[in-house]
Structures are given as structure tokens and as C-alpha cells.
Amino acid sequence: MALADLIARLERDAETRADQLDREATAQAEALRAEASRLLSQRREQELTRRRTERRVRHEGALAEARRAARGARLRAQHALLERIFARARALLPEAASSAEYCALLPAHYAEARRYVEGLKVIVRCHPSSAIWLHGTDAEATFVEDAAAAPGVLVWAADGSVAIDNTLPARVQRLEAKLAVELLAEVLSPSPRGGEGRGEGLPKRSDESGGAS
């Protein structure tokens, strides 16, 4: 083979190899660009997901806080309402205590308290307005009239071991927890019952059994 032919062949082989390397380099560059684009899209999606998660967490936290605040405000409003109702009821106690309806219940209230100290000698402290309704109910009891006493009966064991407060204020106080549930159920009911409001009727419910303290 002539030298010129050998040189020409080597040049062709070199060009072919250069073309092949250029194609391989171009393919590798495209692959790298595609991978970089994929990674960039993946990072963007991860960042968007992170931001969406953070926004959702912040939103849920703010919503939970708003709900807690609303519950707190609702409870405070309910408690304020109940306190106004009970304050009105307490203000009506003197009027209720002087009513014939309440006074007629005093012997039963005394008998209720007396059961807790059955068999013991007792001292009964009561207001003069209540005492006149209790005369003759218990010959073994010592009745002490006290103008400073609350309406109703306060029964002491003569030995001082126990005292049963069945006065009107004590009975109403024992009923307040039960009445609070009933009042809230009525106030919050979508279809309130008609008739007289419970706030005005509280003192009249002193005939319910309130237990002994």
C-alpha cells in the first residue's frame, strides 16, 4: 500500500472516530441535561409539597386555636348566663321563703333532715318565720329561733357530731349543678319550650330532694 493511501485511510478512520466521539458526547450531554431537568423538577415538587404541608399545618393549627377560642367564649357566655339566672333566683329567695307554698313544705324538709340523725337528740335552728310551721312536729327536738338564720331548717345532733343544712339557700345551692344542665339544655335547644322561664321558677323548686350536706 502506498504511503499516500495509508495516510488517507488513517485520516478517514480518525474522522470516523471523531464523529463517533462527538455523537457519544452529545448523547451524554443530553442525558445529563435530562437528568438535571428531572432532578430540578423533583426538587421543585418536593419544595411545593413541603410548602403545602407547612401551610396545611399552619391552617390546621390556626383553625384548632380558633375553635378552642370559640369554645372558651361559648363556655364563658354559658357560665355568665347561668350566673345571671342563679343570681336572679337567689334574689328571689326571700320572696319564695315567705310564700305559703314554701312554708307548707317546711315540715317535710325537717323530716328529711331528721332522718340523717334518727335516734339522736337534735337542736333545730331556724328563722322565726319558719319556726311557726315546725311547732309540734318533733317533741324530742329543741327548736331555737334565730332571726339571723336562713329560711328553712338547720338540724344539729345535740352532741355536735353532725349538722344537716336543709335551709332554702342550701337546697338551692345543691340543686344548682342539676339545674345548670337543665337550663343549658333549654337555652341551647333549637326549639325552646314555652311557658315560664326557669330563672323565675328556681325558688319554687325547693320542694325537690336536695340531699343532705
Protein backbone atom coordinates (compact mmCIF):
# COMPACT_ATOMS: atom_id res chain seq x y z
CA MET A 1 0.00 0.00 0.00
CA ALA A 2 1.32 3.38 -0.98
CA LEU A 3 2.11 5.85 1.77
CA ALA A 4 -0.47 8.31 0.43
CA ASP A 5 -3.21 5.66 0.63
CA LEU A 6 -2.21 4.79 4.20
CA ILE A 7 -2.34 8.42 5.26
CA ALA A 8 -5.77 8.87 3.62
CA ARG A 9 -7.10 5.79 5.38
CA LEU A 10 -5.80 6.95 8.76
CA GLU A 11 -7.41 10.35 8.24
CA ARG A 12 -10.78 8.70 7.42
CA ASP A 13 -10.53 6.47 10.49
CA ALA A 14 -9.71 9.50 12.62
CA GLU A 15 -12.68 11.45 11.25
CA THR A 16 -14.99 8.47 11.81
CA ARG A 17 -13.76 8.10 15.36
CA ALA A 18 -14.12 11.84 15.95
CA ASP A 19 -17.69 11.74 14.67
CA GLN A 20 -18.46 8.78 16.93
CA LEU A 21 -16.97 10.52 19.95
CA ASP A 22 -18.92 13.68 19.13
CA ARG A 23 -22.17 11.72 18.92
CA GLU A 24 -21.41 9.95 22.21
CA ALA A 25 -20.54 13.26 23.87
CA THR A 26 -23.74 14.82 22.53
CA ALA A 27 -25.81 11.87 23.81
CA GLN A 28 -24.14 12.03 27.22
CA ALA A 29 -24.74 15.79 27.36
CA GLU A 30 -28.43 15.27 26.52
CA ALA A 31 -28.71 12.56 29.16
CA LEU A 32 -27.08 14.84 31.73
CA ARG A 33 -29.44 17.70 30.81
CA ALA A 34 -32.44 15.37 31.07
CA GLU A 35 -31.29 14.06 34.47
CA ALA A 36 -30.66 17.61 35.68
CA SER A 37 -34.12 18.64 34.48
CA ARG A 38 -35.66 15.62 36.22
CA LEU A 39 -33.84 16.36 39.46
CA LEU A 40 -34.83 20.04 39.26
CA SER A 41 -38.48 19.10 38.73
CA GLN A 42 -38.27 16.64 41.58
CA ARG A 43 -36.77 19.27 43.89
CA ARG A 44 -39.44 21.78 42.84
CA GLU A 45 -42.18 19.26 43.54
CA GLN A 46 -40.63 18.41 46.91
CA GLU A 47 -40.41 22.09 47.78
CA LEU A 48 -44.02 22.68 46.72
CA THR A 49 -45.09 19.66 48.77
CA ARG A 50 -43.15 20.96 51.78
CA ARG A 51 -44.73 24.40 51.46
CA ARG A 52 -48.21 22.92 51.04
CA THR A 53 -47.63 20.77 54.13
CA GLU A 54 -46.43 23.77 56.14
CA ARG A 55 -49.43 25.84 55.00
CA ARG A 56 -51.80 22.99 55.89
CA VAL A 57 -50.20 22.59 59.32
CA ARG A 58 -50.41 26.34 59.95
CA HIS A 59 -54.01 26.41 58.75
CA GLU A 60 -54.99 23.44 60.90
CA GLY A 61 -53.23 24.98 63.90
CA ALA A 62 -54.99 28.32 63.37
CA LEU A 63 -58.32 26.53 62.90
CA ALA A 64 -57.83 24.49 66.08
CA GLU A 65 -56.91 27.63 68.01
CA ALA A 66 -59.97 29.44 66.65
CA ARG A 67 -62.17 26.52 67.66
CA ARG A 68 -60.65 26.49 71.16
CA ALA A 69 -61.22 30.23 71.44
CA ALA A 70 -64.81 29.82 70.25
CA ARG A 71 -65.44 27.01 72.75
CA GLY A 72 -63.94 29.11 75.51
CA ALA A 73 -66.09 32.12 74.58
CA ARG A 74 -69.18 29.91 74.39
CA LEU A 75 -68.47 28.37 77.80
CA ARG A 76 -67.86 31.79 79.33
CA ALA A 77 -71.11 33.05 77.86
CA GLN A 78 -72.99 30.00 79.15
CA HIS A 79 -71.49 30.38 82.62
CA ALA A 80 -72.33 34.08 82.64
CA LEU A 81 -75.89 33.27 81.62
CA LEU A 82 -76.24 30.66 84.35
CA GLU A 83 -74.75 33.01 86.92
CA ARG A 84 -77.30 35.70 85.96
CA ILE A 85 -80.10 33.16 86.26
CA PHE A 86 -78.89 31.88 89.63
CA ALA A 87 -78.28 35.43 90.88
CA ARG A 88 -81.87 36.22 89.97
CA ALA A 89 -83.00 33.05 91.74
CA ARG A 90 -81.03 33.95 94.86
CA ALA A 91 -82.53 37.42 94.81
CA LEU A 92 -85.98 35.81 94.81
CA LEU A 93 -85.26 33.59 97.82
CA PRO A 94 -86.73 35.99 100.42
CA GLU A 95 -89.93 36.24 98.42
CA ALA A 96 -90.08 32.46 97.97
CA ALA A 97 -89.32 31.85 101.65
CA SER A 98 -92.32 33.92 102.73
CA SER A 99 -94.69 32.18 100.36
CA ALA A 100 -97.33 29.84 101.76
CA GLU A 101 -96.29 27.28 99.16
CA TYR A 102 -92.74 27.05 100.57
CA CYS A 103 -93.77 27.30 104.23
CA ALA A 104 -96.13 24.35 103.79
CA LEU A 105 -93.11 22.26 102.78
CA LEU A 106 -91.09 23.02 105.92
CA PRO A 107 -92.33 20.01 107.96
CA ALA A 108 -91.32 17.71 105.10
CA HIS A 109 -87.91 19.42 104.85
CA TYR A 110 -87.43 18.95 108.59
CA ALA A 111 -88.43 15.28 108.39
CA GLU A 112 -85.99 14.81 105.52
CA ALA A 113 -83.12 16.26 107.56
CA ARG A 114 -84.19 14.42 110.72
CA ARG A 115 -83.75 11.05 109.01
CA TYR A 116 -79.98 11.61 108.89
CA VAL A 117 -79.82 11.94 112.68
CA GLU A 118 -82.53 9.46 113.53
CA GLY A 119 -82.29 8.20 117.10
CA LEU A 120 -80.26 11.20 118.25
CA LYS A 121 -81.38 14.20 120.23
CA VAL A 122 -81.31 17.23 117.99
CA ILE A 123 -81.26 21.00 118.13
CA VAL A 124 -83.11 22.74 115.32
CA ARG A 125 -82.01 26.24 114.44
CA CYS A 126 -84.48 28.13 112.30
CA HIS A 127 -85.80 31.58 111.50
CA PRO A 128 -88.89 32.66 113.46
CA SER A 129 -90.89 32.74 110.24
CA SER A 130 -90.03 29.07 109.70
CA ALA A 131 -90.39 28.04 113.35
CA ILE A 132 -94.13 28.66 113.46
CA TRP A 133 -94.58 25.98 110.80
CA LEU A 134 -92.49 23.45 112.73
CA HIS A 135 -94.10 23.65 116.18
CA GLY A 136 -95.32 20.25 117.26
CA THR A 137 -93.51 18.31 114.56
CA ASP A 138 -90.99 16.70 116.93
CA ALA A 139 -91.48 16.70 120.70
CA GLU A 140 -87.96 15.37 121.29
CA ALA A 141 -86.24 18.18 119.38
CA THR A 142 -85.14 21.51 120.81
CA PHE A 143 -86.15 24.34 118.49
CA VAL A 144 -84.05 27.50 118.65
CA GLU A 145 -85.39 30.55 116.86
CA ASP A 146 -82.71 32.78 115.34
CA ALA A 147 -83.58 35.92 113.42
CA ALA A 148 -80.21 35.68 111.64
CA ALA A 149 -80.90 32.16 110.39
CA ALA A 150 -81.75 31.46 106.76
CA PRO A 151 -85.26 30.29 105.87
CA GLY A 152 -85.67 26.55 106.39
CA VAL A 153 -84.12 24.24 108.95
CA LEU A 154 -80.61 23.59 110.22
CA VAL A 155 -80.59 20.39 112.28
CA TRP A 156 -77.73 19.68 114.68
CA ALA A 157 -77.13 16.48 116.60
CA ALA A 158 -77.14 17.52 120.25
CA ASP A 159 -73.67 16.01 120.71
CA GLY A 160 -72.36 18.19 117.85
CA SER A 161 -71.34 15.20 115.73
CA VAL A 162 -73.26 16.17 112.62
CA ALA A 163 -75.26 19.05 111.16
CA ILE A 164 -77.83 18.86 108.37
CA ASP A 165 -78.33 22.11 106.49
CA ASN A 166 -81.71 21.95 104.83
CA THR A 167 -82.28 25.69 104.60
CA LEU A 168 -83.67 27.14 101.41
CA PRO A 169 -80.32 28.63 100.26
CA ALA A 170 -78.56 25.30 100.90
CA ARG A 171 -81.18 23.36 98.98
CA VAL A 172 -80.97 25.72 96.01
CA GLN A 173 -77.16 25.52 96.06
CA ARG A 174 -77.32 21.70 95.98
CA LEU A 175 -79.69 21.88 93.04
CA GLU A 176 -77.60 24.32 91.01
CA ALA A 177 -75.48 21.67 89.26
CA LYS A 178 -78.57 19.76 88.15
CA LEU A 179 -80.39 22.94 87.22
CA ALA A 180 -77.37 24.16 85.24
CA VAL A 181 -77.60 21.12 82.95
CA GLU A 182 -81.35 21.54 82.53
CA LEU A 183 -81.09 25.27 81.92
CA LEU A 184 -78.34 24.93 79.32
CA ALA A 185 -80.31 22.20 77.55
CA GLU A 186 -83.31 24.51 77.43
CA VAL A 187 -81.38 27.65 76.47
CA LEU A 188 -79.40 25.89 73.72
CA SER A 189 -82.35 23.90 72.40
CA PRO A 190 -83.31 24.83 68.79
CA SER A 191 -86.96 24.56 69.81
CA PRO A 192 -87.31 26.09 73.29
CA ARG A 193 -90.35 25.12 75.29
CA GLY A 194 -92.84 27.80 76.02
CA GLY A 195 -94.09 28.82 79.38
CA GLU A 196 -92.46 30.42 82.35
CA GLY A 197 -88.65 30.69 82.24
CA ARG A 198 -86.71 28.53 84.67
CA GLY A 199 -84.89 31.56 86.01
CA GLU A 200 -88.10 32.82 87.58
CA GLY A 201 -89.15 29.39 88.81
CA LEU A 202 -85.97 28.34 90.64
CA PRO A 203 -87.04 29.16 94.22
CA LYS A 204 -90.30 27.30 93.74
CA ARG A 205 -88.34 24.08 93.09
CA SER A 206 -87.17 23.88 96.69
CA ASP A 207 -89.60 21.01 97.17
CA GLU A 208 -87.20 18.73 95.24
CA SER A 209 -84.99 16.48 97.31
CA GLY A 210 -81.59 18.12 97.56
CA GLY A 211 -79.87 15.55 99.79
CA ALA A 212 -78.01 16.41 102.96
CA SER A 213 -74.69 18.05 103.43
